[in-house]
N, C-alpha and C. Protein backbone atom coordinates (compact mmCIF):
# COMPACT_ATOMS: atom_id res chain seq x y z
N MET A 1 0.83 -1.39 0.09
CA MET A 1 -0.04 0.00 0.29
C MET A 1 1.05 1.49 -0.14
N THR A 2 0.35 2.21 -0.56
CA THR A 2 1.12 3.49 -0.80
C THR A 2 1.34 4.24 0.56
N ALA A 3 2.16 5.16 0.79
CA ALA A 3 1.90 6.02 1.96
C ALA A 3 2.25 7.32 1.72
N PHE A 4 1.85 8.15 2.12
CA PHE A 4 2.49 9.83 2.36
C PHE A 4 2.84 10.34 3.31
N ALA A 5 3.87 11.44 3.00
CA ALA A 5 4.35 12.16 4.32
C ALA A 5 4.00 13.48 3.94
N VAL A 6 3.27 14.24 5.05
CA VAL A 6 3.20 15.45 5.04
C VAL A 6 3.81 16.40 6.12
N LYS A 7 4.61 17.54 5.95
CA LYS A 7 5.19 18.08 6.87
C LYS A 7 4.09 19.24 7.35
N HIS A 8 4.20 19.41 8.65
CA HIS A 8 3.78 20.46 9.41
C HIS A 8 4.76 21.07 10.20
N ILE A 9 4.66 22.47 9.36
CA ILE A 9 6.02 23.19 9.61
C ILE A 9 5.72 24.11 10.66
N VAL A 10 6.45 23.98 12.11
CA VAL A 10 6.34 24.74 13.20
C VAL A 10 6.30 26.19 13.20
N GLY A 11 7.36 26.57 12.45
CA GLY A 11 7.22 28.21 12.03
C GLY A 11 6.33 28.64 11.53
N ASP A 12 5.34 28.08 10.34
CA ASP A 12 4.38 28.40 9.78
C ASP A 12 3.14 28.22 10.57
N LEU A 13 2.94 27.12 11.20
CA LEU A 13 1.76 26.61 11.55
C LEU A 13 1.57 26.48 13.06
N GLY A 14 2.60 26.60 13.84
CA GLY A 14 2.46 26.23 15.22
C GLY A 14 2.63 24.98 15.44
N PRO A 15 3.11 24.51 16.60
CA PRO A 15 2.89 23.18 16.81
C PRO A 15 1.85 22.12 16.75
N LEU A 16 2.25 21.08 16.41
CA LEU A 16 0.97 19.98 15.97
C LEU A 16 0.11 19.99 17.33
N SER A 17 0.34 20.36 18.66
CA SER A 17 -0.39 20.05 19.63
C SER A 17 -1.32 21.22 19.67
N LYS A 18 -1.35 22.40 18.64
CA LYS A 18 -2.14 23.27 18.52
C LYS A 18 -3.57 22.85 18.16
N VAL A 19 -3.65 21.54 17.33
CA VAL A 19 -4.58 21.10 16.43
C VAL A 19 -4.92 19.71 16.73
N MET A 20 -4.39 19.04 17.78
CA MET A 20 -4.32 17.52 18.05
C MET A 20 -6.05 17.56 18.37
N LYS A 21 -6.51 18.52 19.41
CA LYS A 21 -7.83 18.42 19.94
C LYS A 21 -8.81 17.78 18.64
N GLN A 22 -8.53 18.81 17.57
CA GLN A 22 -9.27 18.53 16.12
C GLN A 22 -9.11 17.38 15.27
N VAL A 23 -7.82 16.93 15.17
CA VAL A 23 -7.28 15.83 14.74
C VAL A 23 -7.67 14.53 15.24
N ARG A 24 -7.86 14.48 16.70
CA ARG A 24 -8.07 13.15 17.36
C ARG A 24 -9.64 12.98 17.12
N LYS A 25 -10.57 14.05 16.79
CA LYS A 25 -11.68 13.90 16.36
C LYS A 25 -12.06 13.32 14.97
N ALA A 26 -11.46 13.88 13.95
CA ALA A 26 -11.44 13.65 12.76
C ALA A 26 -10.08 14.10 11.98
N PRO A 27 -9.09 13.09 11.86
CA PRO A 27 -7.83 13.39 11.49
C PRO A 27 -7.81 14.00 9.92
N TYR A 28 -7.18 15.02 9.51
CA TYR A 28 -6.85 15.45 8.20
C TYR A 28 -5.40 16.23 8.19
N SER A 29 -5.09 16.55 6.86
CA SER A 29 -3.87 17.29 6.74
C SER A 29 -4.29 18.27 5.83
N TYR A 30 -3.26 19.18 5.10
CA TYR A 30 -3.18 20.16 4.31
C TYR A 30 -1.77 19.95 3.28
N THR A 31 -1.97 20.22 2.01
CA THR A 31 -1.15 20.21 0.92
C THR A 31 -1.69 20.80 -0.21
N SER A 32 -0.68 21.42 -0.72
CA SER A 32 -0.80 22.02 -2.14
C SER A 32 -0.52 20.87 -3.39
N SER A 33 0.46 19.83 -3.08
CA SER A 33 0.67 18.87 -3.85
C SER A 33 -0.31 18.09 -4.37
N GLU A 34 -0.55 18.13 -5.67
CA GLU A 34 -0.87 17.46 -6.70
C GLU A 34 -0.32 16.62 -7.77
N PRO A 35 -0.16 15.28 -8.01
CA PRO A 35 -1.36 14.47 -7.75
C PRO A 35 -1.54 13.81 -6.28
N GLU A 36 -0.66 13.87 -5.58
CA GLU A 36 -0.31 13.18 -4.41
C GLU A 36 -1.32 13.16 -3.55
N ALA A 37 -2.35 14.71 -3.41
CA ALA A 37 -3.14 14.72 -2.59
C ALA A 37 -4.47 13.72 -3.07
N THR A 38 -4.87 13.58 -4.46
CA THR A 38 -5.90 12.48 -5.01
C THR A 38 -5.17 11.20 -4.52
N ASN A 39 -4.01 10.93 -4.89
CA ASN A 39 -3.69 9.46 -4.71
C ASN A 39 -3.77 9.15 -3.20
N ALA A 40 -3.52 10.03 -2.39
CA ALA A 40 -3.71 10.01 -0.91
C ALA A 40 -5.12 9.43 -0.83
N ALA A 41 -6.05 10.17 -1.01
CA ALA A 41 -7.30 10.07 -0.78
C ALA A 41 -8.18 8.63 -1.33
N LEU A 42 -7.20 7.99 -2.00
CA LEU A 42 -7.68 6.70 -2.37
C LEU A 42 -7.68 5.64 -1.37
N GLY A 43 -7.40 5.84 0.07
CA GLY A 43 -7.60 4.96 1.20
C GLY A 43 -6.36 4.62 1.54
N ASN A 44 -5.29 5.59 1.18
CA ASN A 44 -3.69 5.41 1.28
C ASN A 44 -3.60 6.14 2.75
N PHE A 45 -2.67 5.80 3.47
CA PHE A 45 -2.24 6.12 4.80
C PHE A 45 -1.18 7.62 4.55
N ILE A 46 -1.76 8.76 5.40
CA ILE A 46 -0.58 9.89 5.46
C ILE A 46 -0.14 10.02 6.86
N TYR A 47 0.92 10.11 6.69
CA TYR A 47 2.01 10.32 8.17
C TYR A 47 2.11 11.75 8.23
N VAL A 48 1.77 12.29 9.41
CA VAL A 48 2.09 13.93 9.44
C VAL A 48 3.39 14.34 10.44
N PHE A 49 4.00 14.93 10.02
CA PHE A 49 5.57 14.89 10.53
C PHE A 49 5.54 16.81 11.06
N GLU A 50 5.86 16.92 12.32
CA GLU A 50 6.14 18.15 12.70
C GLU A 50 7.58 18.67 12.30
N VAL A 51 7.78 19.54 11.67
CA VAL A 51 9.37 20.04 11.25
C VAL A 51 9.46 21.28 12.19
N ARG A 52 10.64 20.99 13.14
CA ARG A 52 11.23 22.04 13.99
C ARG A 52 12.46 22.55 13.74
N ALA A 53 12.47 23.84 13.75
CA ALA A 53 13.83 24.64 13.26
C ALA A 53 14.67 24.45 14.61
N GLU A 54 16.12 24.11 14.20
CA GLU A 54 16.77 23.72 15.30
C GLU A 54 18.23 24.68 15.08
N PRO A 55 19.14 24.84 15.96
CA PRO A 55 20.18 25.95 15.75
C PRO A 55 20.90 25.53 14.51
N LYS A 56 21.54 26.35 13.89
CA LYS A 56 22.39 26.39 12.98
C LYS A 56 21.47 26.02 11.70
N GLY A 57 20.40 26.52 11.75
CA GLY A 57 19.77 26.03 10.11
C GLY A 57 19.09 24.74 10.30
N LEU A 58 19.27 23.84 10.95
CA LEU A 58 18.94 22.52 10.77
C LEU A 58 17.48 22.17 11.07
N ARG A 59 17.04 21.20 10.87
CA ARG A 59 15.55 20.95 10.89
C ARG A 59 15.45 19.35 11.79
N SER A 60 14.38 19.29 12.52
CA SER A 60 14.39 18.02 13.32
C SER A 60 12.72 17.62 12.90
N TYR A 61 12.47 16.16 12.71
CA TYR A 61 11.43 15.76 12.13
C TYR A 61 10.91 14.83 13.16
N TRP A 62 9.33 14.91 13.71
CA TRP A 62 8.60 14.53 14.47
C TRP A 62 7.54 13.81 14.23
N LEU A 63 7.18 12.59 14.30
CA LEU A 63 5.99 12.07 13.98
C LEU A 63 4.94 12.17 14.71
N GLY A 64 3.48 12.64 14.11
CA GLY A 64 2.45 13.30 15.31
C GLY A 64 1.59 12.15 14.87
N TYR A 65 1.15 11.88 13.81
CA TYR A 65 -0.07 10.90 13.52
C TYR A 65 -0.07 10.02 12.33
N LYS A 66 -0.56 9.35 11.89
CA LYS A 66 -1.17 8.80 10.79
C LYS A 66 -2.57 8.33 10.55
N PHE A 67 -3.17 8.58 9.71
CA PHE A 67 -4.58 8.26 8.99
C PHE A 67 -4.75 7.62 7.79
N ARG A 68 -5.77 6.91 7.77
CA ARG A 68 -6.25 6.51 6.56
C ARG A 68 -6.91 7.40 5.60
N ALA A 69 -6.50 8.28 4.44
CA ALA A 69 -7.39 9.15 3.91
C ALA A 69 -8.63 8.53 2.81
N PHE A 70 -9.57 9.33 2.91
CA PHE A 70 -10.41 8.66 1.80
C PHE A 70 -11.16 10.08 1.01
N GLU A 71 -10.84 11.43 1.51
CA GLU A 71 -11.46 12.56 0.90
C GLU A 71 -10.35 13.53 0.49
N LYS A 72 -10.72 14.27 -0.45
CA LYS A 72 -9.88 15.59 -0.77
C LYS A 72 -10.75 16.43 -0.96
N TYR A 73 -10.73 17.49 -0.09
CA TYR A 73 -11.58 18.79 -0.23
C TYR A 73 -10.77 19.85 -1.13
N PRO A 74 -11.21 20.53 -1.72
CA PRO A 74 -10.65 22.14 -2.10
C PRO A 74 -11.39 22.80 -1.26
N PRO A 75 -10.81 24.18 -0.52
CA PRO A 75 -11.61 24.90 -0.03
C PRO A 75 -12.96 25.58 -0.54
N ALA A 76 -13.87 26.09 0.43
CA ALA A 76 -15.17 26.66 -0.52
C ALA A 76 -14.50 28.18 -1.24
N GLY A 77 -15.34 28.27 -2.04
CA GLY A 77 -15.15 29.76 -2.61
C GLY A 77 -13.79 29.80 -3.56
N GLY A 78 -12.96 28.85 -3.64
CA GLY A 78 -11.80 28.60 -4.69
C GLY A 78 -10.66 29.42 -3.75
N GLY A 79 -10.57 29.55 -2.35
CA GLY A 79 -9.52 29.94 -1.57
C GLY A 79 -8.45 29.14 -1.36
N LYS A 80 -7.70 29.26 -0.06
CA LYS A 80 -6.87 28.16 0.28
C LYS A 80 -7.00 27.96 1.60
N TRP A 81 -6.93 26.88 2.06
CA TRP A 81 -6.81 26.52 3.30
C TRP A 81 -5.64 27.27 4.05
N LEU A 82 -6.11 27.76 5.26
CA LEU A 82 -5.15 28.45 5.95
C LEU A 82 -4.31 29.52 5.07
N GLU A 83 -4.98 29.84 4.11
CA GLU A 83 -4.45 31.00 3.26
C GLU A 83 -3.08 30.21 2.47
N GLN A 84 -2.80 29.15 2.27
CA GLN A 84 -1.78 28.58 1.69
C GLN A 84 -1.93 27.15 1.19
N PHE A 85 -2.82 26.51 1.43
CA PHE A 85 -2.79 25.25 0.86
C PHE A 85 -4.18 25.02 0.04
N LYS A 86 -3.78 24.05 -1.06
CA LYS A 86 -5.04 23.97 -2.22
C LYS A 86 -5.86 22.76 -1.71
N PHE A 87 -5.63 21.94 -0.70
CA PHE A 87 -6.39 20.70 -0.55
C PHE A 87 -6.31 20.38 0.95
N LYS A 88 -7.29 19.74 1.63
CA LYS A 88 -7.34 19.20 2.52
C LYS A 88 -7.92 17.73 2.39
N ASN A 89 -6.92 16.76 2.83
CA ASN A 89 -6.96 15.10 2.86
C ASN A 89 -7.86 14.97 4.40
N ALA A 90 -8.58 13.97 4.18
CA ALA A 90 -9.43 13.73 5.36
C ALA A 90 -9.95 12.15 5.51
N ALA A 91 -9.99 11.52 6.46
CA ALA A 91 -10.66 10.42 6.62
C ALA A 91 -12.20 10.34 6.18
N ARG A 92 -12.81 9.64 6.08
CA ARG A 92 -14.57 9.49 5.86
C ARG A 92 -15.30 10.35 6.93
N ALA A 93 -16.02 11.31 6.69
CA ALA A 93 -16.86 11.74 7.52
C ALA A 93 -17.83 10.87 8.32
N CYS A 94 -18.04 11.01 9.59
CA CYS A 94 -19.04 10.38 10.26
C CYS A 94 -18.59 8.71 10.40
N GLU A 95 -17.44 8.64 10.01
CA GLU A 95 -17.10 6.92 10.21
C GLU A 95 -15.74 7.06 11.31
N HIS A 96 -15.50 5.73 11.53
CA HIS A 96 -14.48 5.87 12.33
C HIS A 96 -12.90 5.79 11.85
N ALA A 97 -12.22 6.58 12.23
CA ALA A 97 -11.12 6.83 11.41
C ALA A 97 -10.07 5.76 11.80
N GLU A 98 -9.21 5.48 10.71
CA GLU A 98 -8.25 4.21 10.94
C GLU A 98 -6.85 4.93 11.07
N GLY A 99 -6.22 4.68 12.21
CA GLY A 99 -4.85 5.18 12.19
C GLY A 99 -4.62 5.55 13.77
N SER A 100 -3.50 6.29 13.85
CA SER A 100 -3.20 6.42 15.33
C SER A 100 -2.34 7.67 15.49
N TYR A 101 -2.16 8.25 16.77
CA TYR A 101 -1.54 9.62 17.07
C TYR A 101 -0.72 9.21 18.47
N VAL A 102 -0.15 10.22 18.69
CA VAL A 102 0.82 10.27 19.97
C VAL A 102 0.49 11.83 20.47
N ASP A 103 0.40 11.50 21.71
CA ASP A 103 0.18 13.02 22.43
C ASP A 103 1.53 13.78 22.29
N GLU A 104 2.64 13.41 22.47
CA GLU A 104 3.86 14.02 22.12
C GLU A 104 4.66 13.28 21.19
N PRO A 105 4.85 14.21 19.97
CA PRO A 105 5.30 13.62 18.78
C PRO A 105 6.61 12.72 18.92
N ILE A 106 6.92 11.83 18.24
CA ILE A 106 8.17 10.99 18.45
C ILE A 106 9.19 11.37 17.44
N GLU A 107 10.26 12.00 17.88
CA GLU A 107 11.64 12.59 17.13
C GLU A 107 11.97 11.27 15.94
N ILE A 108 12.26 11.58 14.97
CA ILE A 108 12.77 10.41 13.99
C ILE A 108 14.44 11.07 14.04
N VAL A 109 14.63 9.58 14.22
CA VAL A 109 16.40 9.59 14.58
C VAL A 109 17.08 8.55 13.61
N GLU A 110 16.35 8.06 12.83
CA GLU A 110 16.79 6.95 12.05
C GLU A 110 17.55 8.18 10.56
N PRO A 111 18.60 7.84 10.59
CA PRO A 111 19.59 8.90 9.68
C PRO A 111 19.03 8.72 8.32
N ARG A 112 19.04 7.81 7.65
CA ARG A 112 18.17 7.41 6.28
C ARG A 112 17.08 8.30 6.17
N LEU A 113 15.98 7.95 7.13
CA LEU A 113 14.74 8.54 7.31
C LEU A 113 14.80 10.30 7.32
N THR A 114 15.61 10.43 8.14
CA THR A 114 15.77 11.78 8.51
C THR A 114 16.32 12.46 7.41
N ALA A 115 17.18 11.90 6.90
CA ALA A 115 17.91 12.42 5.24
C ALA A 115 16.64 12.71 3.91
N TRP A 116 15.96 11.57 4.03
CA TRP A 116 14.83 11.60 2.99
C TRP A 116 13.63 12.72 3.37
N LEU A 117 13.22 12.97 4.52
CA LEU A 117 12.67 13.79 5.22
C LEU A 117 13.38 15.21 4.75
N GLY A 118 14.42 15.32 5.17
CA GLY A 118 15.06 16.59 4.84
C GLY A 118 15.34 16.72 3.03
N ASP A 119 15.24 16.02 2.44
CA ASP A 119 15.45 16.44 1.03
C ASP A 119 14.10 16.76 0.37
N LYS A 120 13.00 16.32 1.06
CA LYS A 120 11.54 16.64 0.27
C LYS A 120 11.18 18.30 0.96
N ARG A 121 10.37 18.60 -0.56
CA ARG A 121 9.73 20.00 -0.39
C ARG A 121 8.81 20.05 0.79
N PRO A 122 8.37 20.97 1.36
CA PRO A 122 7.00 21.19 2.22
C PRO A 122 5.96 20.54 1.10
N GLY A 123 5.26 20.10 1.76
CA GLY A 123 3.98 19.38 1.00
C GLY A 123 3.69 18.26 1.14
N MET A 124 3.61 17.33 0.23
CA MET A 124 3.22 15.63 0.46
C MET A 124 4.34 14.89 -0.61
N ALA A 125 4.55 13.86 0.04
CA ALA A 125 5.57 13.10 -0.89
C ALA A 125 5.29 11.65 -0.79
N GLU A 126 5.38 10.86 -1.81
CA GLU A 126 5.02 9.26 -1.39
C GLU A 126 6.30 8.92 -0.44
N ILE A 127 5.97 7.96 0.51
CA ILE A 127 7.20 7.59 1.20
C ILE A 127 7.77 6.20 0.74
N PRO A 128 8.91 5.84 0.63
CA PRO A 128 9.46 4.84 0.35
C PRO A 128 9.16 3.64 1.21
N PRO A 129 8.66 2.43 0.77
CA PRO A 129 7.99 1.30 1.64
C PRO A 129 8.92 1.18 2.76
N GLU A 130 10.35 1.12 2.58
CA GLU A 130 11.32 0.61 3.58
C GLU A 130 11.10 1.87 4.83
N PHE A 131 10.54 2.67 4.66
CA PHE A 131 10.51 3.81 5.62
C PHE A 131 9.01 3.60 6.46
N VAL A 132 8.07 3.26 5.69
CA VAL A 132 6.75 2.63 6.18
C VAL A 132 6.88 1.96 7.21
N ALA A 133 7.66 0.83 7.27
CA ALA A 133 7.73 -0.20 8.37
C ALA A 133 8.52 0.30 9.49
N THR A 134 9.35 1.50 9.55
CA THR A 134 10.20 1.93 10.24
C THR A 134 9.10 2.85 11.18
N LEU A 135 8.17 3.82 10.49
CA LEU A 135 7.20 4.54 11.00
C LEU A 135 6.00 3.72 11.82
N ASP A 136 5.75 2.60 11.45
CA ASP A 136 4.65 2.03 11.88
C ASP A 136 5.56 1.09 13.05
N ASP A 137 6.42 0.97 13.22
CA ASP A 137 7.62 0.43 14.28
C ASP A 137 7.59 1.18 15.56
N LEU A 138 7.46 2.96 15.02
CA LEU A 138 7.42 3.95 16.19
C LEU A 138 6.15 3.99 16.75
N LEU A 139 5.12 3.77 15.84
CA LEU A 139 3.88 4.16 16.35
C LEU A 139 3.37 2.62 17.01
N GLY A 140 4.10 1.63 16.67
CA GLY A 140 3.51 0.19 17.77
C GLY A 140 4.33 0.06 18.90
N ASP A 141 5.49 0.84 19.02
CA ASP A 141 6.21 0.52 20.37
C ASP A 141 5.13 1.15 21.43
N PRO A 142 5.15 0.39 22.29
CA PRO A 142 4.33 0.61 23.49
C PRO A 142 4.91 1.79 24.55
N ALA A 143 6.24 2.22 24.15
CA ALA A 143 6.88 3.26 24.92
C ALA A 143 6.60 4.48 24.38
N ASN A 144 5.91 4.65 22.97
CA ASN A 144 5.44 5.73 22.23
C ASN A 144 4.17 6.13 22.67
N ASN A 145 3.14 5.05 23.22
CA ASN A 145 2.26 5.31 23.77
C ASN A 145 1.15 5.69 22.78
N ALA A 146 1.39 5.22 21.71
CA ALA A 146 0.27 5.56 20.54
C ALA A 146 -1.04 5.26 20.70
N LYS A 147 -2.08 6.13 20.35
CA LYS A 147 -3.62 5.85 20.57
C LYS A 147 -4.29 5.70 19.31
N ALA A 148 -5.14 4.81 19.31
CA ALA A 148 -6.05 4.64 18.08
C ALA A 148 -6.94 5.78 17.99
N PHE A 149 -7.53 6.22 16.64
CA PHE A 149 -8.41 7.47 16.82
C PHE A 149 -9.66 6.74 16.94
N ALA A 150 -10.73 7.78 18.05
CA ALA A 150 -11.79 6.90 18.57
C ALA A 150 -12.67 7.34 17.54
C-alpha cells in the first residue's frame, strides 16, 4: 500500500499540539501537492510530521499521527486552506478513522529517514516502502504510547 508524508512546519503553523484536539476527532492534513493529494485520498495512509527549526539552520522531524485518507477537499469559494494550501485530505466523515496518534510527537532519529525527509520540499511526498515499516514500528512501540483514533 502507498503511504504519504506531510510536513507540518512549526514556524508557519505552530506546533501540532495546537491542532491535535481537532485531529483526534477527525484526522486531516493540508497540502498543495497534486497528484499526491488525489492518490492519498484513495484509501492510503498519510503520516504527518512536525518540522522544528533547530540551531544552525538544521531541522528535526517528529511523527505526530497517521491516518487513512478517503477524502480530498478544495476550500469553499476557491480560496486556500489556512491561506496557503489547495487541498485538505481527511478520513471519511461520520466514520471511525483508521490510524493512530501520539500526545507527544516522536522524534525521527533514523539517519536515512531523516535525510529523506530533509530532501523533500514542504507539501506531500510518497514514502518509500522501507520507511513505512520504520514509522509503523515507532507507532507500535508501547514506549511511545500511540493511541487509535476514536
